[in-house]
Amino acid sequence: MFLTVKQTAAKYPFFSESAIRWLVFRADHSFSLCLLRIGRKVLIDEDLWLKWIESYRR
């Protein structure tokens, strides 16, 4: 499922909306895989987002 930045921040409050926007702006290769950009719209793939977060658990 794809979520907007605002929806992602509401569903996962451990990241603020501004923190997510900063991640989108500074997206490295691993995080950019979670993103779908359509014009100015940025959507976040929820499954890949959770896998990306989990990858930092090590």
PDB file of N, CA and C in Angstrom:
ATOM      1  N   MET A   1       0.840  -1.163   0.000  1.00  0.00           N
ATOM      2  CA  MET A   1       0.000   0.000   0.000  1.00  0.00           C
ATOM      3  C   MET A   1       0.896   1.241   0.000  1.00  0.00           C
ATOM      4  N   PHE A   2       0.519   2.236  -0.739  1.00  0.00           N
ATOM      5  CA  PHE A   2       1.265   3.483  -0.804  1.00  0.00           C
ATOM      6  C   PHE A   2       0.610   4.518   0.105  1.00  0.00           C
ATOM      7  N   LEU A   3       1.446   5.271   0.800  1.00  0.00           N
ATOM      8  CA  LEU A   3       0.991   6.313   1.708  1.00  0.00           C
ATOM      9  C   LEU A   3       1.665   7.630   1.342  1.00  0.00           C
ATOM     10  N   THR A   4       0.958   8.731   1.596  1.00  0.00           N
ATOM     11  CA  THR A   4       1.594  10.036   1.452  1.00  0.00           C
ATOM     12  C   THR A   4       2.501  10.257   2.656  1.00  0.00           C
ATOM     13  N   VAL A   5       3.286  11.300   2.608  1.00  0.00           N
ATOM     14  CA  VAL A   5       4.160  11.625   3.733  1.00  0.00           C
ATOM     15  C   VAL A   5       3.316  11.882   4.982  1.00  0.00           C
ATOM     16  N   LYS A   6       2.246  12.621   4.825  1.00  0.00           N
ATOM     17  CA  LYS A   6       1.373  12.953   5.955  1.00  0.00           C
ATOM     18  C   LYS A   6       0.731  11.692   6.543  1.00  0.00           C
ATOM     19  N   GLN A   7       0.273  10.790   5.696  1.00  0.00           N
ATOM     20  CA  GLN A   7      -0.329   9.536   6.169  1.00  0.00           C
ATOM     21  C   GLN A   7       0.708   8.659   6.872  1.00  0.00           C
ATOM     22  N   THR A   8       1.933   8.640   6.347  1.00  0.00           N
ATOM     23  CA  THR A   8       2.992   7.848   6.962  1.00  0.00           C
ATOM     24  C   THR A   8       3.308   8.372   8.357  1.00  0.00           C
ATOM     25  N   ALA A   9       3.401   9.690   8.497  1.00  0.00           N
ATOM     26  CA  ALA A   9       3.679  10.290   9.803  1.00  0.00           C
ATOM     27  C   ALA A   9       2.547  10.022  10.792  1.00  0.00           C
ATOM     28  N   ALA A  10       1.317  10.007  10.316  1.00  0.00           N
ATOM     29  CA  ALA A  10       0.181   9.736  11.199  1.00  0.00           C
ATOM     30  C   ALA A  10       0.161   8.273  11.629  1.00  0.00           C
ATOM     31  N   LYS A  11       0.506   7.380  10.730  1.00  0.00           N
ATOM     32  CA  LYS A  11       0.457   5.951  11.033  1.00  0.00           C
ATOM     33  C   LYS A  11       1.665   5.492  11.852  1.00  0.00           C
ATOM     34  N   TYR A  12       2.810   6.133  11.635  1.00  0.00           N
ATOM     35  CA  TYR A  12       4.055   5.774  12.332  1.00  0.00           C
ATOM     36  C   TYR A  12       4.600   7.028  13.024  1.00  0.00           C
ATOM     37  N   PRO A  13       4.031   7.388  14.171  1.00  0.00           N
ATOM     38  CA  PRO A  13       4.376   8.672  14.811  1.00  0.00           C
ATOM     39  C   PRO A  13       5.796   8.761  15.365  1.00  0.00           C
ATOM     40  N   PHE A  14       6.554   7.675  15.310  1.00  0.00           N
ATOM     41  CA  PHE A  14       7.942   7.759  15.765  1.00  0.00           C
ATOM     42  C   PHE A  14       8.799   8.545  14.780  1.00  0.00           C
ATOM     43  N   PHE A  15       8.270   8.854  13.586  1.00  0.00           N
ATOM     44  CA  PHE A  15       8.886   9.763  12.625  1.00  0.00           C
ATOM     45  C   PHE A  15       7.926  10.923  12.425  1.00  0.00           C
ATOM     46  N   SER A  16       8.400  12.149  12.624  1.00  0.00           N
ATOM     47  CA  SER A  16       7.545  13.309  12.376  1.00  0.00           C
ATOM     48  C   SER A  16       7.420  13.525  10.865  1.00  0.00           C
ATOM     49  N   GLU A  17       6.443  14.313  10.493  1.00  0.00           N
ATOM     50  CA  GLU A  17       6.247  14.606   9.068  1.00  0.00           C
ATOM     51  C   GLU A  17       7.474  15.322   8.499  1.00  0.00           C
ATOM     52  N   SER A  18       8.038  16.232   9.275  1.00  0.00           N
ATOM     53  CA  SER A  18       9.224  16.947   8.786  1.00  0.00           C
ATOM     54  C   SER A  18      10.438  16.021   8.676  1.00  0.00           C
ATOM     55  N   ALA A  19      10.547  15.045   9.562  1.00  0.00           N
ATOM     56  CA  ALA A  19      11.656  14.082   9.478  1.00  0.00           C
ATOM     57  C   ALA A  19      11.522  13.226   8.217  1.00  0.00           C
ATOM     58  N   ILE A  20      10.308  12.834   7.896  1.00  0.00           N
ATOM     59  CA  ILE A  20      10.083  12.037   6.687  1.00  0.00           C
ATOM     60  C   ILE A  20      10.381  12.870   5.440  1.00  0.00           C
ATOM     61  N   ARG A  21       9.953  14.132   5.454  1.00  0.00           N
ATOM     62  CA  ARG A  21      10.240  15.007   4.312  1.00  0.00           C
ATOM     63  C   ARG A  21      11.743  15.191   4.135  1.00  0.00           C
ATOM     64  N   TRP A  22      12.495  15.284   5.244  1.00  0.00           N
ATOM     65  CA  TRP A  22      13.948  15.394   5.164  1.00  0.00           C
ATOM     66  C   TRP A  22      14.541  14.120   4.560  1.00  0.00           C
ATOM     67  N   LEU A  23      14.027  12.962   4.977  1.00  0.00           N
ATOM     68  CA  LEU A  23      14.495  11.697   4.406  1.00  0.00           C
ATOM     69  C   LEU A  23      14.228  11.640   2.900  1.00  0.00           C
ATOM     70  N   VAL A  24      13.064  12.113   2.490  1.00  0.00           N
ATOM     71  CA  VAL A  24      12.713  12.126   1.063  1.00  0.00           C
ATOM     72  C   VAL A  24      13.666  13.062   0.309  1.00  0.00           C
ATOM     73  N   PHE A  25      13.920  14.239   0.873  1.00  0.00           N
ATOM     74  CA  PHE A  25      14.791  15.219   0.231  1.00  0.00           C
ATOM     75  C   PHE A  25      16.218  14.694   0.106  1.00  0.00           C
ATOM     76  N   ARG A  26      16.701  14.011   1.135  1.00  0.00           N
ATOM     77  CA  ARG A  26      18.072  13.510   1.179  1.00  0.00           C
ATOM     78  C   ARG A  26      18.149  12.017   0.887  1.00  0.00           C
ATOM     79  N   ALA A  27      17.197  11.497   0.151  1.00  0.00           N
ATOM     80  CA  ALA A  27      17.079  10.054  -0.065  1.00  0.00           C
ATOM     81  C   ALA A  27      18.347   9.447  -0.649  1.00  0.00           C
ATOM     82  N   ASP A  28      18.896   8.477   0.068  1.00  0.00           N
ATOM     83  CA  ASP A  28      20.002   7.700  -0.471  1.00  0.00           C
ATOM     84  C   ASP A  28      19.402   6.527  -1.239  1.00  0.00           C
ATOM     85  N   HIS A  29      20.255   5.691  -1.766  1.00  0.00           N
ATOM     86  CA  HIS A  29      19.763   4.594  -2.612  1.00  0.00           C
ATOM     87  C   HIS A  29      18.802   3.672  -1.863  1.00  0.00           C
ATOM     88  N   SER A  30      19.135   3.302  -0.633  1.00  0.00           N
ATOM     89  CA  SER A  30      18.300   2.346   0.099  1.00  0.00           C
ATOM     90  C   SER A  30      16.922   2.917   0.398  1.00  0.00           C
ATOM     91  N   PHE A  31      16.857   4.208   0.746  1.00  0.00           N
ATOM     92  CA  PHE A  31      15.546   4.806   1.051  1.00  0.00           C
ATOM     93  C   PHE A  31      14.769   5.142  -0.216  1.00  0.00           C
ATOM     94  N   SER A  32      15.464   5.515  -1.270  1.00  0.00           N
ATOM     95  CA  SER A  32      14.768   5.905  -2.501  1.00  0.00           C
ATOM     96  C   SER A  32      13.986   4.742  -3.106  1.00  0.00           C
ATOM     97  N   LEU A  33      14.350   3.509  -2.750  1.00  0.00           N
ATOM     98  CA  LEU A  33      13.588   2.349  -3.227  1.00  0.00           C
ATOM     99  C   LEU A  33      12.172   2.330  -2.648  1.00  0.00           C
ATOM    100  N   CYS A  34      11.968   3.004  -1.530  1.00  0.00           N
ATOM    101  CA  CYS A  34      10.655   3.059  -0.873  1.00  0.00           C
ATOM    102  C   CYS A  34       9.739   4.098  -1.518  1.00  0.00           C
ATOM    103  N   LEU A  35      10.287   4.939  -2.374  1.00  0.00           N
ATOM    104  CA  LEU A  35       9.550   6.091  -2.881  1.00  0.00           C
ATOM    105  C   LEU A  35       9.012   5.881  -4.283  1.00  0.00           C
ATOM    106  N   LEU A  36       7.853   6.463  -4.513  1.00  0.00           N
ATOM    107  CA  LEU A  36       7.270   6.546  -5.844  1.00  0.00           C
ATOM    108  C   LEU A  36       6.972   8.022  -6.071  1.00  0.00           C
ATOM    109  N   ARG A  37       7.623   8.601  -7.049  1.00  0.00           N
ATOM    110  CA  ARG A  37       7.427  10.019  -7.342  1.00  0.00           C
ATOM    111  C   ARG A  37       6.608  10.150  -8.625  1.00  0.00           C
ATOM    112  N   ILE A  38       5.528  10.893  -8.516  1.00  0.00           N
ATOM    113  CA  ILE A  38       4.675  11.183  -9.665  1.00  0.00           C
ATOM    114  C   ILE A  38       4.538  12.702  -9.709  1.00  0.00           C
ATOM    115  N   GLY A  39       5.327  13.324 -10.569  1.00  0.00           N
ATOM    116  CA  GLY A  39       5.370  14.789 -10.568  1.00  0.00           C
ATOM    117  C   GLY A  39       5.922  15.262  -9.237  1.00  0.00           C
ATOM    118  N   ARG A  40       5.179  16.121  -8.561  1.00  0.00           N
ATOM    119  CA  ARG A  40       5.599  16.608  -7.242  1.00  0.00           C
ATOM    120  C   ARG A  40       5.115  15.711  -6.111  1.00  0.00           C
ATOM    121  N   LYS A  41       4.234  14.801  -6.428  1.00  0.00           N
ATOM    122  CA  LYS A  41       3.665  13.903  -5.413  1.00  0.00           C
ATOM    123  C   LYS A  41       4.668  12.819  -5.058  1.00  0.00           C
ATOM    124  N   VAL A  42       4.832  12.586  -3.769  1.00  0.00           N
ATOM    125  CA  VAL A  42       5.719  11.531  -3.279  1.00  0.00           C
ATOM    126  C   VAL A  42       4.878  10.548  -2.487  1.00  0.00           C
ATOM    127  N   LEU A  43       4.949   9.283  -2.898  1.00  0.00           N
ATOM    128  CA  LEU A  43       4.246   8.226  -2.185  1.00  0.00           C
ATOM    129  C   LEU A  43       5.283   7.263  -1.621  1.00  0.00           C
ATOM    130  N   ILE A  44       4.973   6.720  -0.449  1.00  0.00           N
ATOM    131  CA  ILE A  44       5.895   5.810   0.227  1.00  0.00           C
ATOM    132  C   ILE A  44       5.273   4.422   0.242  1.00  0.00           C
ATOM    133  N   ASP A  45       6.009   3.453  -0.258  1.00  0.00           N
ATOM    134  CA  ASP A  45       5.572   2.056  -0.237  1.00  0.00           C
ATOM    135  C   ASP A  45       5.713   1.554   1.199  1.00  0.00           C
ATOM    136  N   GLU A  46       4.598   1.268   1.835  1.00  0.00           N
ATOM    137  CA  GLU A  46       4.587   0.929   3.256  1.00  0.00           C
ATOM    138  C   GLU A  46       5.411  -0.315   3.565  1.00  0.00           C
ATOM    139  N   ASP A  47       5.311  -1.345   2.745  1.00  0.00           N
ATOM    140  CA  ASP A  47       6.066  -2.583   2.988  1.00  0.00           C
ATOM    141  C   ASP A  47       7.568  -2.332   2.913  1.00  0.00           C
ATOM    142  N   LEU A  48       8.016  -1.590   1.896  1.00  0.00           N
ATOM    143  CA  LEU A  48       9.438  -1.285   1.764  1.00  0.00           C
ATOM    144  C   LEU A  48       9.918  -0.337   2.862  1.00  0.00           C
ATOM    145  N   TRP A  49       9.049   0.571   3.297  1.00  0.00           N
ATOM    146  CA  TRP A  49       9.354   1.494   4.393  1.00  0.00           C
ATOM    147  C   TRP A  49       9.654   0.709   5.671  1.00  0.00           C
ATOM    148  N   LEU A  50       8.818  -0.274   5.964  1.00  0.00           N
ATOM    149  CA  LEU A  50       9.032  -1.085   7.169  1.00  0.00           C
ATOM    150  C   LEU A  50      10.298  -1.933   7.058  1.00  0.00           C
ATOM    151  N   LYS A  51      10.578  -2.453   5.872  1.00  0.00           N
ATOM    152  CA  LYS A  51      11.820  -3.208   5.663  1.00  0.00           C
ATOM    153  C   LYS A  51      13.032  -2.298   5.822  1.00  0.00           C
ATOM    154  N   TRP A  52      12.935  -1.063   5.341  1.00  0.00           N
ATOM    155  CA  TRP A  52      14.027  -0.105   5.470  1.00  0.00           C
ATOM    156  C   TRP A  52      14.293   0.197   6.944  1.00  0.00           C
ATOM    157  N   ILE A  53      13.241   0.397   7.711  1.00  0.00           N
ATOM    158  CA  ILE A  53      13.398   0.649   9.149  1.00  0.00           C
ATOM    159  C   ILE A  53      14.020  -0.574   9.821  1.00  0.00           C
ATOM    160  N   GLU A  54      13.539  -1.751   9.478  1.00  0.00           N
ATOM    161  CA  GLU A  54      14.040  -2.986  10.056  1.00  0.00           C
ATOM    162  C   GLU A  54      15.526  -3.201   9.742  1.00  0.00           C
ATOM    163  N   SER A  55      15.983  -2.710   8.609  1.00  0.00           N
ATOM    164  CA  SER A  55      17.386  -2.903   8.230  1.00  0.00           C
ATOM    165  C   SER A  55      18.331  -2.180   9.193  1.00  0.00           C
ATOM    166  N   TYR A  56      17.850  -1.206   9.946  1.00  0.00           N
ATOM    167  CA  TYR A  56      18.677  -0.482  10.916  1.00  0.00           C
ATOM    168  C   TYR A  56      18.650  -1.117  12.290  1.00  0.00           C
ATOM    169  N   ARG A  57      17.962  -2.212  12.429  1.00  0.00           N
ATOM    170  CA  ARG A  57      17.826  -2.882  13.713  1.00  0.00           C
ATOM    171  C   ARG A  57      19.112  -3.605  14.135  1.00  0.00           C
ATOM    172  N   ARG A  58      19.920  -3.971  13.193  1.00  0.00           N
ATOM    173  CA  ARG A  58      21.134  -4.748  13.460  1.00  0.00           C
ATOM    174  C   ARG A  58      21.968  -4.179  14.529  1.00  0.00           C
TER     175      ARG A  58
END
